Amino acid sequence: MRRFFLLLVFCNIVYFLWAASVNTQVVATPQQIPLYDQKALETLLLVSADREDITDLMSQQEQVISELAKDKKPAKEQYCFLLGDFVDKNQAQGLADQLVNDNARVSVVSPDTYEEYWVMFPAAITWQEALKNEQMIKKQGEDDFWLIPSGAKKGAISLGLFVDVQRANNRLNELLAKKIDATIEVRARALFAVKVEIEADNDALQAYLDKLEQVKSVEITKNAC
């Protein structure tokens, strides 16, 4: 019995020492490092949009945007157009001289022709015969004519120049009724125009044209470049 009692005491001592050793062990856990800098972390607060410093900042931003918009230049386009037509090339050249501009290419071109209808009494072989024809036409009551004194048509008598064929035919019928054997000669005449090629925005182009008084009375045709 005594031995059994001593065995129990020994077991209790061993169990006590084992429990004490287990409680003294420290469980090591890895330290977690935050992904952000704790010292630089700021606190965000909701503020009123009417606060003075906020409105000043918004005003500065609007001013910067406005200045950027002013500095942006309008896009330029290439414009090509014709001014005219002119029957006389010198008139077209005179206008072209007024259109001189560093940003424009100006030239005189002949883009088209038109027909004239010339009512005339045929030329005589000699100048004396031409004078007799002139007197004959006067006796028929005509005074609106011109005896051509020189050139390829010398000795012919011009009785009217028309751009409309119907008006030329009406004039011819009047003369034929008076026994004046006139004829109609069709001839082609060149038309001249001023060609302008300019690179500009709409406002600059309009200002460029508004400065020219002659342009306001001349037909402007936009053309492909």
Protein backbone atom coordinates (compact mmCIF):
# COMPACT_ATOMS: atom_id res chain seq x y z
CA MET A 1 0.00 0.00 0.00
CA ARG A 2 2.81 2.32 0.86
CA ARG A 3 4.48 1.59 -2.46
CA PHE A 4 1.29 2.36 -4.35
CA PHE A 5 0.97 5.68 -2.53
CA LEU A 6 4.57 6.62 -3.40
CA LEU A 7 3.91 5.73 -7.06
CA LEU A 8 0.92 8.12 -7.21
CA VAL A 9 3.00 10.90 -5.68
CA PHE A 10 5.75 10.32 -8.22
CA CYS A 11 3.25 10.39 -11.12
CA ASN A 12 1.73 13.68 -9.90
CA ILE A 13 5.17 15.29 -9.68
CA VAL A 14 6.03 14.15 -13.22
CA TYR A 15 2.69 15.43 -14.60
CA PHE A 16 3.14 18.80 -12.85
CA LEU A 17 6.64 19.28 -14.27
CA TRP A 18 5.44 18.34 -17.80
CA ALA A 19 2.50 20.80 -17.68
CA ALA A 20 4.77 23.60 -16.48
CA SER A 21 7.20 23.04 -19.35
CA VAL A 22 4.41 23.09 -21.96
CA ASN A 23 2.92 26.41 -20.74
CA THR A 24 6.30 28.17 -20.93
CA GLN A 25 6.68 27.53 -24.75
CA VAL A 26 5.87 30.62 -26.92
CA VAL A 27 4.12 30.12 -30.24
CA ALA A 28 5.97 32.21 -32.86
CA THR A 29 3.74 33.87 -35.52
CA PRO A 30 5.10 35.76 -38.56
CA GLN A 31 4.73 39.56 -38.38
CA GLN A 32 2.43 41.02 -41.06
CA ILE A 33 3.80 44.21 -42.70
CA PRO A 34 1.12 46.60 -44.14
CA LEU A 35 1.32 47.42 -47.85
CA TYR A 36 0.89 51.14 -47.21
CA ASP A 37 2.99 53.71 -45.43
CA GLN A 38 1.22 54.28 -42.14
CA LYS A 39 3.01 57.59 -41.58
CA ALA A 40 1.79 58.99 -45.01
CA LEU A 41 -1.81 57.90 -44.58
CA GLU A 42 -4.21 60.85 -44.60
CA THR A 43 -7.73 61.17 -43.38
CA LEU A 44 -10.29 62.17 -46.04
CA LEU A 45 -13.08 64.49 -45.00
CA LEU A 46 -16.18 65.61 -46.89
CA VAL A 47 -16.22 69.38 -47.40
CA SER A 48 -18.80 71.76 -48.87
CA ALA A 49 -18.41 72.81 -52.53
CA ASP A 50 -19.14 76.40 -51.48
CA ARG A 51 -16.04 76.63 -49.36
CA GLU A 52 -13.83 79.52 -50.49
CA ASP A 53 -10.66 77.54 -51.20
CA ILE A 54 -12.64 74.95 -53.20
CA THR A 55 -14.33 77.59 -55.37
CA ASP A 56 -10.97 79.28 -56.02
CA LEU A 57 -9.50 75.97 -57.21
CA MET A 58 -12.45 75.34 -59.54
CA SER A 59 -12.14 78.89 -60.92
CA GLN A 60 -8.45 78.34 -61.66
CA GLN A 61 -9.21 75.09 -63.48
CA GLU A 62 -11.89 76.77 -65.62
CA GLN A 63 -9.47 79.59 -66.50
CA VAL A 64 -6.81 77.11 -67.62
CA ILE A 65 -9.32 75.25 -69.82
CA SER A 66 -10.51 78.55 -71.32
CA GLU A 67 -6.94 79.65 -72.13
CA LEU A 68 -6.20 76.30 -73.77
CA ALA A 69 -9.31 76.69 -75.93
CA LYS A 70 -8.22 80.20 -77.01
CA ASP A 71 -4.73 79.03 -77.88
CA LYS A 72 -6.10 76.27 -80.12
CA LYS A 73 -6.03 77.60 -83.68
CA PRO A 74 -8.96 76.84 -86.00
CA ALA A 75 -8.34 74.15 -88.56
CA LYS A 76 -7.36 75.37 -92.01
CA GLU A 77 -8.71 73.97 -95.25
CA GLN A 78 -7.64 74.21 -98.85
CA TYR A 79 -10.09 76.30 -100.91
CA CYS A 80 -10.13 76.65 -104.67
CA PHE A 81 -12.56 78.90 -106.50
CA LEU A 82 -13.00 80.87 -109.72
CA LEU A 83 -13.91 84.54 -109.97
CA GLY A 84 -15.41 85.64 -113.23
CA ASP A 85 -16.12 85.26 -116.13
CA PHE A 86 -14.36 88.07 -118.00
CA VAL A 87 -14.47 88.58 -121.73
CA ASP A 88 -11.37 90.75 -121.50
CA LYS A 89 -8.25 89.05 -120.20
CA ASN A 90 -6.88 92.39 -118.97
CA GLN A 91 -9.86 92.79 -116.64
CA ALA A 92 -9.20 89.35 -115.19
CA GLN A 93 -5.53 90.17 -114.74
CA GLY A 94 -6.41 93.45 -113.02
CA LEU A 95 -8.49 91.59 -110.46
CA ALA A 96 -5.77 88.96 -110.00
CA ASP A 97 -3.29 91.72 -109.15
CA GLN A 98 -5.58 92.84 -106.30
CA LEU A 99 -5.84 89.32 -104.91
CA VAL A 100 -2.12 88.97 -104.17
CA ASN A 101 -1.72 87.25 -100.82
CA ASP A 102 1.13 85.37 -99.17
CA ASN A 103 -1.17 82.41 -98.45
CA ALA A 104 -2.88 82.32 -101.85
CA ARG A 105 -1.93 81.21 -105.33
CA VAL A 106 -3.62 83.48 -107.87
CA SER A 107 -3.65 82.95 -111.63
CA VAL A 108 -5.68 83.89 -114.71
CA VAL A 109 -7.21 80.94 -116.53
CA SER A 110 -9.49 80.43 -119.52
CA PRO A 111 -11.86 77.70 -118.32
CA ASP A 112 -14.57 78.06 -120.96
CA THR A 113 -15.64 79.68 -124.19
CA TYR A 114 -18.90 81.21 -125.31
CA GLU A 115 -20.48 81.87 -128.70
CA GLU A 116 -21.30 85.23 -130.22
CA TYR A 117 -23.74 85.71 -133.11
CA TRP A 118 -22.55 88.40 -135.48
CA VAL A 119 -25.10 89.81 -137.93
CA MET A 120 -23.22 91.28 -140.87
CA PHE A 121 -23.35 92.23 -144.53
CA PRO A 122 -20.63 90.36 -146.44
CA ALA A 123 -17.42 92.15 -147.31
CA ALA A 124 -17.05 93.63 -150.78
CA ILE A 125 -14.10 92.85 -153.02
CA THR A 126 -12.96 96.48 -153.15
CA TRP A 127 -13.23 99.37 -150.74
CA GLN A 128 -15.27 101.35 -153.24
CA GLU A 129 -17.87 98.60 -153.40
CA ALA A 130 -17.92 98.53 -149.60
CA LEU A 131 -18.72 102.26 -149.54
CA LYS A 132 -21.58 101.67 -152.00
CA ASN A 133 -22.98 98.92 -149.75
CA GLU A 134 -22.84 101.35 -146.84
CA GLN A 135 -24.89 103.91 -148.77
CA MET A 136 -27.41 101.26 -149.79
CA ILE A 137 -27.98 100.23 -146.17
CA LYS A 138 -28.46 103.86 -145.14
CA LYS A 139 -31.12 104.31 -147.84
CA GLN A 140 -33.02 101.36 -146.33
CA GLY A 141 -33.40 103.33 -143.10
CA GLU A 142 -30.61 101.69 -141.10
CA ASP A 143 -28.24 103.80 -139.06
CA ASP A 144 -27.02 101.27 -136.47
CA PHE A 145 -24.14 99.63 -138.33
CA TRP A 146 -20.36 99.87 -138.70
CA LEU A 147 -18.20 99.52 -141.80
CA ILE A 148 -15.12 97.54 -140.72
CA PRO A 149 -12.10 99.53 -141.95
CA SER A 150 -9.28 97.01 -141.46
CA GLY A 151 -8.36 93.50 -140.49
CA ALA A 152 -9.61 90.17 -141.76
CA LYS A 153 -13.18 91.50 -142.00
CA LYS A 154 -12.26 94.72 -143.83
CA GLY A 155 -15.11 95.90 -146.07
CA ALA A 156 -17.79 93.92 -144.20
CA ILE A 157 -20.57 95.82 -142.45
CA SER A 158 -21.43 94.86 -138.88
CA LEU A 159 -25.15 95.09 -138.17
CA GLY A 160 -25.21 93.76 -134.61
CA LEU A 161 -23.40 91.42 -132.23
CA PHE A 162 -25.52 89.18 -129.97
CA VAL A 163 -24.91 86.51 -127.35
CA ASP A 164 -28.49 85.22 -127.74
CA VAL A 165 -29.23 83.37 -130.97
CA GLN A 166 -32.92 84.32 -130.97
CA ARG A 167 -32.16 88.03 -130.82
CA ALA A 168 -29.68 87.58 -133.67
CA ASN A 169 -32.36 85.84 -135.77
CA ASN A 170 -34.87 88.61 -135.04
CA ARG A 171 -32.36 91.21 -136.22
CA LEU A 172 -31.63 89.19 -139.37
CA ASN A 173 -35.33 88.95 -140.23
CA GLU A 174 -35.70 92.75 -139.87
CA LEU A 175 -32.86 93.29 -142.33
CA LEU A 176 -34.14 90.71 -144.81
CA ALA A 177 -37.52 92.45 -144.78
CA LYS A 178 -35.69 95.61 -145.93
CA LYS A 179 -33.96 93.71 -148.77
CA ILE A 180 -30.62 93.74 -146.97
CA ASP A 181 -29.00 90.36 -147.58
CA ALA A 182 -27.26 90.01 -144.24
CA THR A 183 -25.99 86.79 -142.70
CA ILE A 184 -25.19 85.45 -139.21
CA GLU A 185 -21.65 84.44 -138.39
CA VAL A 186 -21.04 82.39 -135.26
CA ARG A 187 -17.74 82.91 -133.53
CA ALA A 188 -16.32 81.53 -130.31
CA ARG A 189 -14.86 83.86 -127.71
CA ALA A 190 -12.74 82.82 -124.77
CA LEU A 191 -13.89 83.58 -121.24
CA PHE A 192 -11.28 84.36 -118.61
CA ALA A 193 -11.47 83.86 -114.86
CA VAL A 194 -9.26 84.38 -111.84
CA LYS A 195 -8.38 81.16 -110.05
CA VAL A 196 -7.56 81.40 -106.36
CA GLU A 197 -6.12 78.59 -104.25
CA ILE A 198 -5.85 79.50 -100.59
CA GLU A 199 -5.36 77.67 -97.30
CA ALA A 200 -7.40 79.35 -94.57
CA ASP A 201 -10.15 78.85 -92.03
CA ASN A 202 -13.68 80.07 -92.83
CA ASP A 203 -13.38 83.40 -90.99
CA ALA A 204 -10.04 84.28 -92.56
CA LEU A 205 -11.32 83.38 -96.02
CA GLN A 206 -14.42 85.56 -95.66
CA ALA A 207 -12.36 88.48 -94.34
CA TYR A 208 -10.00 88.10 -97.30
CA LEU A 209 -12.86 88.34 -99.80
CA ASP A 210 -14.71 91.15 -98.01
CA LYS A 211 -11.74 93.48 -98.48
CA LEU A 212 -12.13 93.39 -102.26
CA GLU A 213 -14.86 95.64 -103.61
CA GLN A 214 -14.68 94.15 -107.10
CA VAL A 215 -15.19 90.63 -105.82
CA LYS A 216 -18.62 91.58 -104.48
CA SER A 217 -19.88 92.14 -108.04
CA VAL A 218 -18.13 89.13 -109.58
CA GLU A 219 -19.58 85.65 -109.61
CA ILE A 220 -17.62 83.27 -107.36
CA THR A 221 -17.67 79.59 -108.20
CA LYS A 222 -16.18 77.11 -105.78
CA ASN A 223 -14.03 74.62 -107.61
CA ALA A 224 -12.32 71.34 -106.78
CA CYS A 225 -8.66 71.78 -105.91
